[in-house]
Amino acid sequence: MESFSDRLLAEHQATWQAMQQHRFVTDIEQDKLPAGVFNQYLVFEGDFVATAIGIFALAVSKAPGIRQQRWLVGVLNALVDDQMGYFEQVLARRGINPDDYQRNLPAVSRFRDGMLTAAREGGYADIVTLMFGAEWMYYHWCSRVYRSEQADPDIRHWVEMHAEETFFAQARWLKAELDQCGAVLTKDEQQRLSALYRQVLEWEIDFHGAAYADCPAG
């Protein structure tokens, strides 16, 4: 029997593939991502960590039991300590002052505000859908791109971080949680989450495209 998460993946395969073949992804895969685009992306993504902390904090408060809360608290600790630390280090190493970069382009604001609003207004299943949409997608393109080479060590490390087993374990956990949630939802609720999942992928596509805002199309 097809799991709920696999059903979502099948229903939105075209949007999934659009993200998997996004210019940002293929530029990294072909080792031709402009340094300025990666720098801008790091600013966007670094800012989003604060949003992710808020989303996972909401997940802790809405989780159905202590098992889920234990895992989610671990995710929060990793975001606050490891992820925040990573961005502080990489921005300093690359000489990036975030205030010199775009920070609130429409595509970035839609992603940030859309994710946070859905987490605030929805339940635990909504939050799991949001984060599964983002992390399952990220693991899969990074695990593919990891097989190619990247000359920029910071880009290479970014890919490695999202292709390693620790990140995959978190993505698998979200997938399993989504399947458990989906198994007890009504058809209408399942359809609502399916639409939310597609929206997350669309937000991600636009978010990654925004890094090219000041970069020539050539």
N, C-alpha and C. Protein backbone atom coordinates (compact mmCIF):
# COMPACT_ATOMS: atom_id res chain seq x y z
N MET A 1 0.85 -1.20 0.00
CA MET A 1 0.00 0.00 0.00
C MET A 1 0.88 1.25 0.00
N GLU A 2 0.55 2.20 -0.86
CA GLU A 2 1.33 3.42 -0.99
C GLU A 2 1.21 4.27 0.27
N SER A 3 2.35 4.72 0.80
CA SER A 3 2.31 5.57 1.98
C SER A 3 1.84 6.98 1.60
N PHE A 4 1.43 7.74 2.61
CA PHE A 4 0.94 9.09 2.36
C PHE A 4 2.04 9.96 1.76
N SER A 5 3.25 9.86 2.30
CA SER A 5 4.35 10.68 1.78
C SER A 5 4.68 10.31 0.34
N ASP A 6 4.65 9.02 0.02
CA ASP A 6 4.92 8.60 -1.36
C ASP A 6 3.81 9.08 -2.30
N ARG A 7 2.61 9.12 -1.79
CA ARG A 7 1.51 9.65 -2.60
C ARG A 7 1.74 11.12 -2.93
N LEU A 8 2.19 11.89 -1.95
CA LEU A 8 2.47 13.31 -2.20
C LEU A 8 3.57 13.47 -3.24
N LEU A 9 4.61 12.66 -3.09
CA LEU A 9 5.72 12.71 -4.06
C LEU A 9 5.23 12.39 -5.47
N ALA A 10 4.36 11.41 -5.59
CA ALA A 10 3.84 11.02 -6.90
C ALA A 10 2.92 12.09 -7.47
N GLU A 11 2.07 12.67 -6.62
CA GLU A 11 1.10 13.65 -7.09
C GLU A 11 1.79 14.92 -7.60
N HIS A 12 2.93 15.25 -7.02
CA HIS A 12 3.59 16.51 -7.35
C HIS A 12 4.97 16.29 -7.96
N GLN A 13 5.08 15.23 -8.75
CA GLN A 13 6.35 14.87 -9.33
C GLN A 13 6.90 15.96 -10.26
N ALA A 14 6.02 16.63 -11.00
CA ALA A 14 6.49 17.68 -11.91
C ALA A 14 7.13 18.84 -11.13
N THR A 15 6.50 19.24 -10.04
CA THR A 15 7.06 20.32 -9.22
C THR A 15 8.34 19.86 -8.54
N TRP A 16 8.35 18.62 -8.07
CA TRP A 16 9.56 18.02 -7.47
C TRP A 16 10.72 18.08 -8.46
N GLN A 17 10.47 17.66 -9.70
CA GLN A 17 11.53 17.65 -10.70
C GLN A 17 11.98 19.05 -11.06
N ALA A 18 11.06 20.01 -11.03
CA ALA A 18 11.44 21.39 -11.29
C ALA A 18 12.45 21.89 -10.26
N MET A 19 12.30 21.46 -9.01
CA MET A 19 13.28 21.84 -7.98
C MET A 19 14.56 21.03 -8.13
N GLN A 20 14.44 19.74 -8.43
CA GLN A 20 15.63 18.91 -8.59
C GLN A 20 16.50 19.38 -9.76
N GLN A 21 15.89 20.00 -10.75
CA GLN A 21 16.63 20.49 -11.92
C GLN A 21 16.72 22.02 -11.94
N HIS A 22 16.53 22.62 -10.78
CA HIS A 22 16.62 24.08 -10.67
C HIS A 22 18.00 24.56 -11.11
N ARG A 23 18.04 25.76 -11.64
CA ARG A 23 19.33 26.33 -12.07
C ARG A 23 20.36 26.33 -10.94
N PHE A 24 19.93 26.66 -9.72
CA PHE A 24 20.84 26.67 -8.57
C PHE A 24 21.46 25.29 -8.37
N VAL A 25 20.65 24.25 -8.49
CA VAL A 25 21.11 22.87 -8.29
C VAL A 25 22.05 22.45 -9.42
N THR A 26 21.64 22.69 -10.65
CA THR A 26 22.46 22.24 -11.77
C THR A 26 23.75 23.05 -11.89
N ASP A 27 23.72 24.31 -11.49
CA ASP A 27 24.96 25.09 -11.48
C ASP A 27 25.97 24.50 -10.48
N ILE A 28 25.49 24.06 -9.32
CA ILE A 28 26.38 23.41 -8.37
C ILE A 28 26.86 22.08 -8.92
N GLU A 29 25.96 21.33 -9.52
CA GLU A 29 26.31 20.02 -10.07
C GLU A 29 27.37 20.15 -11.17
N GLN A 30 27.29 21.20 -11.95
CA GLN A 30 28.24 21.42 -13.03
C GLN A 30 29.42 22.31 -12.62
N ASP A 31 29.47 22.62 -11.32
CA ASP A 31 30.55 23.43 -10.74
C ASP A 31 30.70 24.78 -11.43
N LYS A 32 29.57 25.44 -11.64
CA LYS A 32 29.62 26.77 -12.26
C LYS A 32 28.72 27.78 -11.54
N LEU A 33 28.41 27.52 -10.29
CA LEU A 33 27.61 28.48 -9.52
C LEU A 33 28.46 29.71 -9.24
N PRO A 34 28.01 30.90 -9.65
CA PRO A 34 28.79 32.11 -9.36
C PRO A 34 28.94 32.32 -7.85
N ALA A 35 30.11 32.76 -7.44
CA ALA A 35 30.36 32.98 -6.00
C ALA A 35 29.37 33.98 -5.42
N GLY A 36 29.03 35.01 -6.22
CA GLY A 36 28.09 36.01 -5.72
C GLY A 36 26.70 35.44 -5.47
N VAL A 37 26.30 34.48 -6.28
CA VAL A 37 24.99 33.84 -6.08
C VAL A 37 25.01 33.02 -4.80
N PHE A 38 26.10 32.28 -4.59
CA PHE A 38 26.19 31.48 -3.36
C PHE A 38 26.22 32.39 -2.14
N ASN A 39 26.95 33.50 -2.23
CA ASN A 39 27.00 34.44 -1.10
C ASN A 39 25.60 34.97 -0.78
N GLN A 40 24.86 35.36 -1.83
CA GLN A 40 23.50 35.85 -1.60
C GLN A 40 22.61 34.76 -1.02
N TYR A 41 22.75 33.56 -1.52
CA TYR A 41 21.98 32.43 -1.00
C TYR A 41 22.29 32.20 0.48
N LEU A 42 23.55 32.28 0.86
CA LEU A 42 23.93 32.08 2.26
C LEU A 42 23.26 33.11 3.17
N VAL A 43 23.13 34.33 2.68
CA VAL A 43 22.44 35.36 3.47
C VAL A 43 20.98 35.00 3.64
N PHE A 44 20.32 34.62 2.52
CA PHE A 44 18.92 34.20 2.61
C PHE A 44 18.76 33.02 3.57
N GLU A 45 19.58 32.01 3.38
CA GLU A 45 19.44 30.78 4.16
C GLU A 45 19.80 31.00 5.62
N GLY A 46 20.82 31.81 5.85
CA GLY A 46 21.18 32.12 7.24
C GLY A 46 20.05 32.82 7.97
N ASP A 47 19.39 33.76 7.28
CA ASP A 47 18.24 34.44 7.88
C ASP A 47 17.11 33.45 8.15
N PHE A 48 16.95 32.46 7.26
CA PHE A 48 15.84 31.52 7.41
C PHE A 48 16.02 30.59 8.61
N VAL A 49 17.24 30.42 9.08
CA VAL A 49 17.46 29.55 10.24
C VAL A 49 16.62 30.02 11.42
N ALA A 50 16.54 31.33 11.60
CA ALA A 50 15.73 31.86 12.71
C ALA A 50 14.27 31.47 12.53
N THR A 51 13.78 31.49 11.29
CA THR A 51 12.41 31.06 11.01
C THR A 51 12.24 29.57 11.30
N ALA A 52 13.23 28.78 10.89
CA ALA A 52 13.17 27.33 11.14
C ALA A 52 13.12 27.03 12.63
N ILE A 53 13.86 27.80 13.42
CA ILE A 53 13.83 27.61 14.88
C ILE A 53 12.41 27.85 15.39
N GLY A 54 11.77 28.90 14.88
CA GLY A 54 10.39 29.17 15.29
C GLY A 54 9.43 28.07 14.87
N ILE A 55 9.64 27.53 13.67
CA ILE A 55 8.76 26.46 13.18
C ILE A 55 8.92 25.21 14.03
N PHE A 56 10.15 24.81 14.32
CA PHE A 56 10.35 23.60 15.12
C PHE A 56 9.93 23.81 16.58
N ALA A 57 10.04 25.02 17.08
CA ALA A 57 9.53 25.30 18.43
C ALA A 57 8.01 25.10 18.47
N LEU A 58 7.33 25.54 17.41
CA LEU A 58 5.89 25.31 17.32
C LEU A 58 5.59 23.82 17.21
N ALA A 59 6.45 23.09 16.50
CA ALA A 59 6.26 21.64 16.38
C ALA A 59 6.35 20.97 17.74
N VAL A 60 7.29 21.42 18.58
CA VAL A 60 7.40 20.86 19.93
C VAL A 60 6.11 21.09 20.71
N SER A 61 5.56 22.28 20.61
CA SER A 61 4.36 22.61 21.37
C SER A 61 3.12 21.87 20.86
N LYS A 62 3.12 21.49 19.58
CA LYS A 62 1.96 20.84 18.98
C LYS A 62 2.14 19.33 18.81
N ALA A 63 3.29 18.81 19.18
CA ALA A 63 3.57 17.39 19.00
C ALA A 63 2.62 16.54 19.84
N PRO A 64 2.25 15.36 19.35
CA PRO A 64 1.28 14.53 20.07
C PRO A 64 1.83 13.80 21.28
N GLY A 65 3.16 13.70 21.42
CA GLY A 65 3.70 12.95 22.55
C GLY A 65 5.16 13.23 22.81
N ILE A 66 5.69 12.63 23.88
CA ILE A 66 7.06 12.88 24.30
C ILE A 66 8.06 12.32 23.29
N ARG A 67 7.72 11.26 22.58
CA ARG A 67 8.65 10.71 21.59
C ARG A 67 8.98 11.75 20.53
N GLN A 68 7.95 12.37 20.01
CA GLN A 68 8.17 13.39 18.99
C GLN A 68 8.88 14.61 19.58
N GLN A 69 8.50 14.98 20.80
CA GLN A 69 9.11 16.16 21.43
C GLN A 69 10.60 15.96 21.65
N ARG A 70 11.00 14.77 22.06
CA ARG A 70 12.43 14.51 22.27
C ARG A 70 13.21 14.72 20.97
N TRP A 71 12.70 14.18 19.88
CA TRP A 71 13.39 14.31 18.60
C TRP A 71 13.45 15.78 18.18
N LEU A 72 12.32 16.46 18.31
CA LEU A 72 12.23 17.85 17.86
C LEU A 72 13.11 18.78 18.69
N VAL A 73 13.23 18.52 19.97
CA VAL A 73 14.13 19.31 20.81
C VAL A 73 15.58 19.12 20.33
N GLY A 74 15.92 17.91 19.93
CA GLY A 74 17.24 17.66 19.37
C GLY A 74 17.47 18.47 18.10
N VAL A 75 16.44 18.55 17.25
CA VAL A 75 16.54 19.36 16.03
C VAL A 75 16.74 20.82 16.39
N LEU A 76 16.00 21.31 17.38
CA LEU A 76 16.16 22.70 17.80
C LEU A 76 17.57 22.98 18.30
N ASN A 77 18.11 22.06 19.09
CA ASN A 77 19.48 22.25 19.59
C ASN A 77 20.46 22.33 18.43
N ALA A 78 20.28 21.48 17.43
CA ALA A 78 21.18 21.48 16.27
C ALA A 78 21.05 22.79 15.49
N LEU A 79 19.85 23.31 15.36
CA LEU A 79 19.66 24.57 14.65
C LEU A 79 20.32 25.72 15.39
N VAL A 80 20.11 25.78 16.70
CA VAL A 80 20.64 26.89 17.49
C VAL A 80 22.16 26.83 17.59
N ASP A 81 22.70 25.64 17.80
CA ASP A 81 24.14 25.50 18.00
C ASP A 81 24.90 25.28 16.69
N ASP A 82 24.56 24.23 15.96
CA ASP A 82 25.33 23.86 14.78
C ASP A 82 25.04 24.77 13.59
N GLN A 83 23.77 24.93 13.25
CA GLN A 83 23.43 25.72 12.07
C GLN A 83 23.78 27.20 12.26
N MET A 84 23.41 27.77 13.37
CA MET A 84 23.75 29.17 13.62
C MET A 84 25.26 29.36 13.61
N GLY A 85 25.97 28.42 14.23
CA GLY A 85 27.43 28.48 14.25
C GLY A 85 28.02 28.38 12.86
N TYR A 86 27.45 27.50 12.05
CA TYR A 86 27.94 27.34 10.67
C TYR A 86 27.83 28.65 9.91
N PHE A 87 26.67 29.29 9.97
CA PHE A 87 26.49 30.51 9.19
C PHE A 87 27.37 31.64 9.71
N GLU A 88 27.54 31.73 11.01
CA GLU A 88 28.45 32.74 11.54
C GLU A 88 29.86 32.55 10.98
N GLN A 89 30.31 31.29 10.93
CA GLN A 89 31.67 31.00 10.46
C GLN A 89 31.82 31.22 8.96
N VAL A 90 30.87 30.70 8.17
CA VAL A 90 31.02 30.78 6.72
C VAL A 90 30.87 32.22 6.22
N LEU A 91 29.98 32.99 6.82
CA LEU A 91 29.85 34.39 6.42
C LEU A 91 31.12 35.17 6.75
N ALA A 92 31.69 34.91 7.92
CA ALA A 92 32.93 35.59 8.30
C ALA A 92 34.07 35.17 7.37
N ARG A 93 34.16 33.88 7.06
CA ARG A 93 35.25 33.38 6.22
C ARG A 93 35.18 33.97 4.81
N ARG A 94 33.96 34.17 4.31
CA ARG A 94 33.79 34.70 2.95
C ARG A 94 33.69 36.23 2.92
N GLY A 95 33.82 36.86 4.09
CA GLY A 95 33.78 38.31 4.16
C GLY A 95 32.43 38.89 3.79
N ILE A 96 31.37 38.18 4.18
CA ILE A 96 30.01 38.59 3.84
C ILE A 96 29.39 39.38 4.99
N ASN A 97 29.00 40.61 4.70
CA ASN A 97 28.19 41.39 5.63
C ASN A 97 26.75 41.31 5.13
N PRO A 98 25.87 40.59 5.83
CA PRO A 98 24.50 40.42 5.33
C PRO A 98 23.80 41.72 4.97
N ASP A 99 24.13 42.80 5.66
CA ASP A 99 23.47 44.07 5.39
C ASP A 99 23.84 44.65 4.03
N ASP A 100 24.88 44.11 3.41
CA ASP A 100 25.27 44.55 2.07
C ASP A 100 24.51 43.79 0.97
N TYR A 101 23.67 42.84 1.37
CA TYR A 101 22.98 41.98 0.43
C TYR A 101 21.46 42.17 0.52
N GLN A 102 20.76 41.69 -0.51
CA GLN A 102 19.31 41.65 -0.46
C GLN A 102 18.88 40.70 0.66
N ARG A 103 17.81 41.08 1.37
CA ARG A 103 17.36 40.20 2.46
C ARG A 103 15.85 39.98 2.46
N ASN A 104 15.12 40.79 1.74
CA ASN A 104 13.65 40.69 1.78
C ASN A 104 13.03 40.77 0.40
N LEU A 105 13.64 40.10 -0.56
CA LEU A 105 13.02 40.02 -1.88
C LEU A 105 11.68 39.30 -1.75
N PRO A 106 10.72 39.58 -2.64
CA PRO A 106 9.38 38.98 -2.52
C PRO A 106 9.40 37.45 -2.41
N ALA A 107 10.23 36.79 -3.20
CA ALA A 107 10.25 35.32 -3.16
C ALA A 107 10.77 34.81 -1.82
N VAL A 108 11.68 35.56 -1.23
CA VAL A 108 12.24 35.17 0.07
C VAL A 108 11.21 35.41 1.17
N SER A 109 10.54 36.55 1.10
CA SER A 109 9.51 36.85 2.10
C SER A 109 8.34 35.88 2.02
N ARG A 110 7.95 35.50 0.79
CA ARG A 110 6.85 34.53 0.64
C ARG A 110 7.20 33.20 1.29
N PHE A 111 8.41 32.75 1.06
CA PHE A 111 8.85 31.48 1.64
C PHE A 111 8.86 31.57 3.17
N ARG A 112 9.54 32.58 3.69
CA ARG A 112 9.64 32.75 5.14
C ARG A 112 8.27 32.91 5.79
N ASP A 113 7.50 33.86 5.30
CA ASP A 113 6.21 34.16 5.93
C ASP A 113 5.20 33.05 5.70
N GLY A 114 5.25 32.43 4.51
CA GLY A 114 4.33 31.34 4.23
C GLY A 114 4.58 30.14 5.13
N MET A 115 5.84 29.79 5.30
CA MET A 115 6.18 28.66 6.16
C MET A 115 5.78 28.93 7.61
N LEU A 116 6.10 30.12 8.09
CA LEU A 116 5.81 30.44 9.48
C LEU A 116 4.31 30.56 9.74
N THR A 117 3.58 31.15 8.81
CA THR A 117 2.13 31.26 8.97
C THR A 117 1.46 29.89 8.97
N ALA A 118 1.90 29.02 8.06
CA ALA A 118 1.32 27.67 8.01
C ALA A 118 1.61 26.92 9.30
N ALA A 119 2.79 27.11 9.87
CA ALA A 119 3.13 26.44 11.13
C ALA A 119 2.31 26.99 12.30
N ARG A 120 2.10 28.30 12.30
CA ARG A 120 1.33 28.91 13.39
C ARG A 120 -0.14 28.53 13.33
N GLU A 121 -0.71 28.55 12.13
CA GLU A 121 -2.14 28.36 11.98
C GLU A 121 -2.53 26.89 11.86
N GLY A 122 -1.59 26.05 11.48
CA GLY A 122 -1.89 24.63 11.30
C GLY A 122 -1.54 23.81 12.53
N GLY A 123 -1.73 22.51 12.39
CA GLY A 123 -1.42 21.60 13.47
C GLY A 123 -0.08 20.91 13.26
N TYR A 124 0.16 19.88 14.04
CA TYR A 124 1.41 19.13 13.96
C TYR A 124 1.63 18.56 12.57
N ALA A 125 0.59 18.02 11.95
CA ALA A 125 0.72 17.43 10.62
C ALA A 125 1.12 18.47 9.58
N ASP A 126 0.64 19.70 9.74
CA ASP A 126 1.03 20.77 8.82
C ASP A 126 2.53 21.05 8.91
N ILE A 127 3.03 21.11 10.13
CA ILE A 127 4.45 21.42 10.32
C ILE A 127 5.32 20.29 9.77
N VAL A 128 4.92 19.06 10.01
CA VAL A 128 5.67 17.93 9.48
C VAL A 128 5.66 17.97 7.95
N THR A 129 4.53 18.33 7.36
CA THR A 129 4.44 18.45 5.90
C THR A 129 5.40 19.52 5.39
N LEU A 130 5.43 20.66 6.06
CA LEU A 130 6.34 21.75 5.67
C LEU A 130 7.78 21.28 5.66
N MET A 131 8.21 20.68 6.75
CA MET A 131 9.63 20.36 6.89
C MET A 131 10.01 19.12 6.08
N PHE A 132 9.07 18.19 5.93
CA PHE A 132 9.34 17.06 5.03
C PHE A 132 9.53 17.58 3.61
N GLY A 133 8.67 18.49 3.18
CA GLY A 133 8.78 19.04 1.85
C GLY A 133 10.14 19.65 1.60
N ALA A 134 10.65 20.39 2.57
CA ALA A 134 11.95 21.04 2.41
C ALA A 134 13.11 20.06 2.53
N GLU A 135 13.11 19.21 3.53
CA GLU A 135 14.28 18.41 3.83
C GLU A 135 14.41 17.18 2.93
N TRP A 136 13.31 16.55 2.57
CA TRP A 136 13.39 15.41 1.66
C TRP A 136 13.89 15.87 0.29
N MET A 137 13.40 17.03 -0.14
CA MET A 137 13.85 17.61 -1.40
C MET A 137 15.34 17.92 -1.34
N TYR A 138 15.80 18.52 -0.25
CA TYR A 138 17.19 18.93 -0.12
C TYR A 138 18.12 17.73 -0.09
N TYR A 139 17.75 16.72 0.66
CA TYR A 139 18.61 15.54 0.71
C TYR A 139 18.78 14.94 -0.68
N HIS A 140 17.72 14.86 -1.43
CA HIS A 140 17.81 14.17 -2.72
C HIS A 140 18.64 14.92 -3.74
N TRP A 141 18.52 16.22 -3.81
CA TRP A 141 19.38 16.89 -4.79
C TRP A 141 20.82 16.94 -4.32
N CYS A 142 21.03 17.08 -3.03
CA CYS A 142 22.41 17.11 -2.54
C CYS A 142 23.09 15.75 -2.66
N SER A 143 22.36 14.66 -2.43
CA SER A 143 22.97 13.34 -2.56
C SER A 143 23.34 13.06 -4.01
N ARG A 144 22.58 13.63 -4.95
CA ARG A 144 22.95 13.48 -6.36
C ARG A 144 24.16 14.36 -6.70
N VAL A 145 24.11 15.61 -6.29
CA VAL A 145 25.17 16.56 -6.61
C VAL A 145 26.48 16.17 -5.93
N TYR A 146 26.40 15.51 -4.80
CA TYR A 146 27.59 15.08 -4.07
C TYR A 146 28.49 14.20 -4.93
N ARG A 147 27.93 13.50 -5.90
CA ARG A 147 28.73 12.61 -6.76
C ARG A 147 29.56 13.39 -7.78
N SER A 148 29.29 14.68 -7.93
CA SER A 148 30.12 15.53 -8.79
C SER A 148 31.11 16.29 -7.91
N GLU A 149 31.90 17.15 -8.50
CA GLU A 149 32.93 17.88 -7.75
C GLU A 149 32.59 19.36 -7.72
N GLN A 150 32.93 20.01 -6.60
CA GLN A 150 32.78 21.45 -6.45
C GLN A 150 34.11 22.03 -5.99
N ALA A 151 34.63 23.00 -6.75
CA ALA A 151 35.94 23.57 -6.44
C ALA A 151 35.90 24.47 -5.20
N ASP A 152 34.78 25.16 -5.02
CA ASP A 152 34.64 26.05 -3.86
C ASP A 152 34.42 25.17 -2.62
N PRO A 153 35.34 25.21 -1.64
CA PRO A 153 35.19 24.31 -0.49
C PRO A 153 33.93 24.58 0.35
N ASP A 154 33.46 25.81 0.34
CA ASP A 154 32.24 26.12 1.10
C ASP A 154 31.01 25.53 0.43
N ILE A 155 30.96 25.60 -0.89
CA ILE A 155 29.85 24.97 -1.61
C ILE A 155 29.91 23.47 -1.41
N ARG A 156 31.11 22.91 -1.50
CA ARG A 156 31.26 21.47 -1.32
C ARG A 156 30.80 21.04 0.07
N HIS A 157 31.18 21.80 1.07
CA HIS A 157 30.80 21.45 2.45
C HIS A 157 29.28 21.55 2.61
N TRP A 158 28.66 22.55 1.98
CA TRP A 158 27.20 22.71 2.06
C TRP A 158 26.50 21.49 1.50
N VAL A 159 26.98 21.01 0.35
CA VAL A 159 26.40 19.82 -0.26
C VAL A 159 26.60 18.61 0.66
N GLU A 160 27.81 18.45 1.18
CA GLU A 160 28.11 17.31 2.05
C GLU A 160 27.22 17.30 3.28
N MET A 161 26.99 18.45 3.88
CA MET A 161 26.16 18.54 5.07
C MET A 161 24.76 17.98 4.85
N HIS A 162 24.24 18.17 3.64
CA HIS A 162 22.87 17.75 3.35
C HIS A 162 22.79 16.40 2.66
N ALA A 163 23.96 15.79 2.41
CA ALA A 163 23.98 14.46 1.80
C ALA A 163 24.40 13.39 2.81
N GLU A 164 24.79 13.82 4.00
CA GLU A 164 25.29 12.86 4.98
C GLU A 164 24.15 12.16 5.72
N GLU A 165 24.50 11.09 6.42
CA GLU A 165 23.50 10.24 7.06
C GLU A 165 22.70 10.98 8.13
N THR A 166 23.33 11.90 8.86
CA THR A 166 22.61 12.62 9.92
C THR A 166 21.42 13.39 9.35
N PHE A 167 21.66 14.08 8.24
CA PHE A 167 20.57 14.84 7.63
C PHE A 167 19.52 13.90 7.04
N PHE A 168 19.97 12.82 6.41
CA PHE A 168 19.04 11.85 5.84
C PHE A 168 18.17 11.23 6.92
N ALA A 169 18.76 10.96 8.09
CA ALA A 169 17.99 10.38 9.19
C ALA A 169 16.87 11.33 9.62
N GLN A 170 17.16 12.62 9.63
CA GLN A 170 16.12 13.59 9.99
C GLN A 170 15.03 13.63 8.92
N ALA A 171 15.42 13.58 7.65
CA ALA A 171 14.43 13.58 6.57
C ALA A 171 13.58 12.31 6.63
N ARG A 172 14.20 11.17 6.93
CA ARG A 172 13.44 9.91 7.05
C ARG A 172 12.47 9.98 8.23
N TRP A 173 12.90 10.58 9.31
CA TRP A 173 12.04 10.71 10.48
C TRP A 173 10.80 11.54 10.13
N LEU A 174 11.00 12.63 9.43
CA LEU A 174 9.86 13.46 9.02
C LEU A 174 8.93 12.69 8.08
N LYS A 175 9.51 11.90 7.19
CA LYS A 175 8.70 11.10 6.26
C LYS A 175 7.84 10.10 7.04
N ALA A 176 8.45 9.43 8.01
CA ALA A 176 7.70 8.45 8.81
C ALA A 176 6.61 9.13 9.63
N GLU A 177 6.91 10.29 10.19
CA GLU A 177 5.90 11.03 10.95
C GLU A 177 4.75 11.46 10.06
N LEU A 178 5.08 11.91 8.85
CA LEU A 178 4.03 12.32 7.92
C LEU A 178 3.13 11.13 7.56
N ASP A 179 3.73 9.97 7.38
CA ASP A 179 2.93 8.78 7.08
C ASP A 179 2.00 8.43 8.23
N GLN A 180 2.48 8.56 9.45
CA GLN A 180 1.63 8.27 10.61
C GLN A 180 0.49 9.28 10.70
N CYS A 181 0.79 10.55 10.44
CA CYS A 181 -0.27 11.56 10.46
C CYS A 181 -1.29 11.30 9.37
N GLY A 182 -0.79 11.01 8.17
CA GLY A 182 -1.68 10.81 7.03
C GLY A 182 -2.62 9.64 7.20
N ALA A 183 -2.17 8.63 7.93
CA ALA A 183 -2.97 7.41 8.08
C ALA A 183 -4.27 7.64 8.84
N VAL A 184 -4.34 8.71 9.63
CA VAL A 184 -5.55 8.95 10.44
C VAL A 184 -6.31 10.20 10.00
N LEU A 185 -5.89 10.80 8.89
CA LEU A 185 -6.56 12.01 8.41
C LEU A 185 -7.71 11.66 7.47
N THR A 186 -8.68 12.55 7.41
CA THR A 186 -9.76 12.40 6.44
C THR A 186 -9.23 12.71 5.04
N LYS A 187 -9.98 12.34 4.02
CA LYS A 187 -9.56 12.61 2.65
C LYS A 187 -9.41 14.11 2.41
N ASP A 188 -10.30 14.90 2.99
CA ASP A 188 -10.22 16.36 2.83
C ASP A 188 -8.94 16.90 3.47
N GLU A 189 -8.61 16.38 4.64
CA GLU A 189 -7.39 16.83 5.31
C GLU A 189 -6.15 16.40 4.53
N GLN A 190 -6.18 15.19 3.98
CA GLN A 190 -5.08 14.73 3.15
C GLN A 190 -4.89 15.63 1.94
N GLN A 191 -5.98 16.01 1.31
CA GLN A 191 -5.90 16.88 0.14
C GLN A 191 -5.35 18.26 0.50
N ARG A 192 -5.74 18.73 1.67
CA ARG A 192 -5.23 20.04 2.12
C ARG A 192 -3.72 19.98 2.32
N LEU A 193 -3.25 18.90 2.92
CA LEU A 193 -1.80 18.76 3.13
C LEU A 193 -1.07 18.53 1.81
N SER A 194 -1.71 17.87 0.88
CA SER A 194 -1.11 17.69 -0.44
C SER A 194 -0.89 19.05 -1.10
N ALA A 195 -1.87 19.93 -0.99
CA ALA A 195 -1.73 21.27 -1.55
C ALA A 195 -0.63 22.06 -0.84
N LEU A 196 -0.54 21.87 0.48
CA LEU A 196 0.51 22.54 1.25
C LEU A 196 1.89 22.04 0.83
N TYR A 197 2.00 20.75 0.62
CA TYR A 197 3.28 20.18 0.18
C TYR A 197 3.71 20.78 -1.16
N ARG A 198 2.77 20.86 -2.10
CA ARG A 198 3.09 21.47 -3.40
C ARG A 198 3.51 22.92 -3.22
N GLN A 199 2.84 23.63 -2.33
CA GLN A 199 3.18 25.03 -2.09
C GLN A 199 4.59 25.18 -1.56
N VAL A 200 5.01 24.28 -0.67
CA VAL A 200 6.37 24.33 -0.14
C VAL A 200 7.39 24.20 -1.27
N LEU A 201 7.18 23.24 -2.17
CA LEU A 201 8.10 23.07 -3.30
C LEU A 201 8.13 24.32 -4.17
N GLU A 202 6.99 24.92 -4.40
CA GLU A 202 6.94 26.14 -5.22
C GLU A 202 7.66 27.28 -4.53
N TRP A 203 7.47 27.41 -3.22
CA TRP A 203 8.21 28.44 -2.47
C TRP A 203 9.71 28.20 -2.57
N GLU A 204 10.12 26.94 -2.45
CA GLU A 204 11.54 26.61 -2.53
C GLU A 204 12.13 26.98 -3.89
N ILE A 205 11.39 26.69 -4.94
CA ILE A 205 11.86 27.02 -6.30
C ILE A 205 12.11 28.52 -6.42
N ASP A 206 11.16 29.31 -5.97
CA ASP A 206 11.30 30.77 -6.05
C ASP A 206 12.40 31.29 -5.13
N PHE A 207 12.50 30.70 -3.95
CA PHE A 207 13.52 31.10 -2.98
C PHE A 207 14.92 30.93 -3.56
N HIS A 208 15.18 29.78 -4.15
CA HIS A 208 16.51 29.52 -4.72
C HIS A 208 16.75 30.39 -5.95
N GLY A 209 15.71 30.68 -6.71
CA GLY A 209 15.86 31.56 -7.86
C GLY A 209 16.20 32.98 -7.46
N ALA A 210 15.75 33.41 -6.29
CA ALA A 210 15.99 34.78 -5.83
C ALA A 210 17.47 35.07 -5.63
N ALA A 211 18.27 34.05 -5.42
CA ALA A 211 19.72 34.26 -5.24
C ALA A 211 20.37 34.82 -6.49
N TYR A 212 19.70 34.68 -7.63
CA TYR A 212 20.22 35.18 -8.90
C TYR A 212 19.73 36.60 -9.22
N ALA A 213 19.06 37.25 -8.28
CA ALA A 213 18.39 38.51 -8.56
C ALA A 213 19.31 39.55 -9.20
N ASP A 214 20.54 39.64 -8.72
CA ASP A 214 21.48 40.63 -9.24
C ASP A 214 22.56 39.99 -10.11
N CYS A 215 22.29 38.78 -10.58
CA CYS A 215 23.28 38.06 -11.39
C CYS A 215 22.81 37.98 -12.83
N PRO A 216 23.66 38.29 -13.81
CA PRO A 216 23.24 38.18 -15.22
C PRO A 216 22.76 36.77 -15.55
N ALA A 217 21.86 36.66 -16.49
CA ALA A 217 21.26 35.38 -16.83
C ALA A 217 22.19 34.47 -17.61
N GLY A 218 23.28 34.95 -18.14
CA GLY A 218 24.16 34.15 -19.01
C GLY A 218 24.87 33.02 -18.36
